Amino acid sequence: MNDGDNPMSKAHAAPRCTATSKRTGERCKGPAVRGWRVCRFHGAGGGHSPGTDHPSWRHGMRSREWIEARAEITELVREARTHALGDSARHGQ
């Protein structure tokens, strides 16, 4: 029987999943999904898009945008304090 007769020959020749087991350390032997490095069991093509469409979305206060905004505000406050401390030192206070 040659490879042309076996309908599973393409599946057997497919790239393998790169996920490894935490317990044994062995790699998964499942075929990787096309365009991914892992199989369907290990997350290929799965999951939800981040943001308000995600089912676990609550308020967004820990979203990437809010974290970046808080970092900018913190930086502005630090600059204001630095300038205020510098001004008070110059005026002898």
Protein backbone atom coordinates (compact mmCIF):
# COMPACT_ATOMS: atom_id res chain seq x y z
CA MET A 1 0.00 0.00 0.00
CA ASN A 2 1.55 3.34 -1.01
CA ASP A 3 0.87 6.78 0.47
CA GLY A 4 -1.57 7.64 -2.30
CA ASP A 5 -3.93 4.90 -1.15
CA ASN A 6 -3.99 5.93 2.51
CA PRO A 7 -6.48 8.78 3.13
CA MET A 8 -4.76 9.55 6.46
CA SER A 9 -1.31 10.09 4.96
CA LYS A 10 -1.76 13.90 4.97
CA ALA A 11 -2.88 13.85 8.60
CA HIS A 12 0.09 11.72 9.63
CA ALA A 13 2.49 14.06 7.80
CA ALA A 14 1.02 17.24 9.37
CA PRO A 15 3.21 19.34 11.72
CA ARG A 16 2.79 18.36 15.36
CA CYS A 17 1.59 20.45 18.31
CA THR A 18 4.39 22.13 20.28
CA ALA A 19 2.59 22.06 23.66
CA THR A 20 4.19 20.03 26.44
CA SER A 21 2.74 18.28 29.46
CA LYS A 22 3.47 19.82 32.86
CA ARG A 23 3.41 16.41 34.48
CA THR A 24 5.52 14.33 32.10
CA GLY A 25 7.28 16.99 30.05
CA GLU A 26 6.40 15.15 26.83
CA ARG A 27 5.14 16.98 23.77
CA CYS A 28 1.58 16.66 22.54
CA LYS A 29 1.35 14.32 19.56
CA GLY A 30 -1.72 15.95 18.02
CA PRO A 31 -1.58 17.63 14.63
CA ALA A 32 -1.16 21.41 14.78
CA VAL A 33 -3.96 23.52 13.31
CA ARG A 34 -3.02 25.17 10.00
CA GLY A 35 -1.47 28.57 10.76
CA TRP A 36 -0.89 27.73 14.44
CA ARG A 37 1.87 25.95 16.36
CA VAL A 38 -0.55 24.10 18.65
CA CYS A 39 -3.47 21.71 18.24
CA ARG A 40 -7.13 22.56 18.84
CA PHE A 41 -6.97 21.22 22.40
CA HIS A 42 -4.10 23.56 23.31
CA GLY A 43 -5.66 26.80 22.14
CA ALA A 44 -5.40 27.11 18.38
CA GLY A 45 -8.07 29.42 17.04
CA GLY A 46 -9.83 29.56 20.35
CA GLY A 47 -10.67 32.19 22.87
CA HIS A 48 -12.51 35.46 22.69
CA SER A 49 -11.35 38.80 21.49
CA PRO A 50 -10.28 41.10 24.32
CA GLY A 51 -12.47 43.99 25.31
CA THR A 52 -16.16 44.62 25.81
CA ASP A 53 -17.18 41.63 23.64
CA HIS A 54 -15.49 39.19 26.04
CA PRO A 55 -18.02 37.34 28.25
CA SER A 56 -15.98 38.05 31.41
CA TRP A 57 -15.86 41.82 30.79
CA ARG A 58 -16.98 43.73 33.86
CA HIS A 59 -15.89 47.35 34.01
CA GLY A 60 -12.64 47.75 32.10
CA MET A 61 -10.68 49.30 34.95
CA ARG A 62 -7.94 46.72 34.39
CA SER A 63 -7.96 46.99 30.61
CA ARG A 64 -4.81 47.92 28.72
CA GLU A 65 -6.14 51.40 27.98
CA TRP A 66 -6.88 52.16 31.63
CA ILE A 67 -3.53 50.83 32.79
CA GLU A 68 -1.76 53.07 30.27
CA ALA A 69 -3.90 56.07 31.28
CA ARG A 70 -3.15 55.55 34.98
CA ALA A 71 0.57 55.29 34.19
CA GLU A 72 0.43 58.62 32.35
CA ILE A 73 -1.44 60.26 35.24
CA THR A 74 1.10 58.90 37.73
CA GLU A 75 3.95 60.29 35.64
CA LEU A 76 2.28 63.73 35.47
CA VAL A 77 1.78 63.74 39.26
CA ARG A 78 5.46 62.85 39.78
CA GLU A 79 6.54 65.68 37.49
CA ALA A 80 4.24 68.13 39.28
CA ARG A 81 5.64 67.09 42.68
CA THR A 82 9.20 67.40 41.44
CA HIS A 83 8.55 70.89 40.13
CA ALA A 84 6.68 71.88 43.30
CA LEU A 85 9.52 70.65 45.51
CA GLY A 86 12.06 72.43 43.34
CA ASP A 87 10.10 75.70 43.53
CA SER A 88 9.70 75.52 47.32
CA ALA A 89 13.43 74.91 47.76
CA ARG A 90 14.24 77.99 45.66
CA HIS A 91 11.90 80.17 47.74
CA GLY A 92 13.37 79.02 51.05
CA GLN A 93 10.31 77.22 52.30
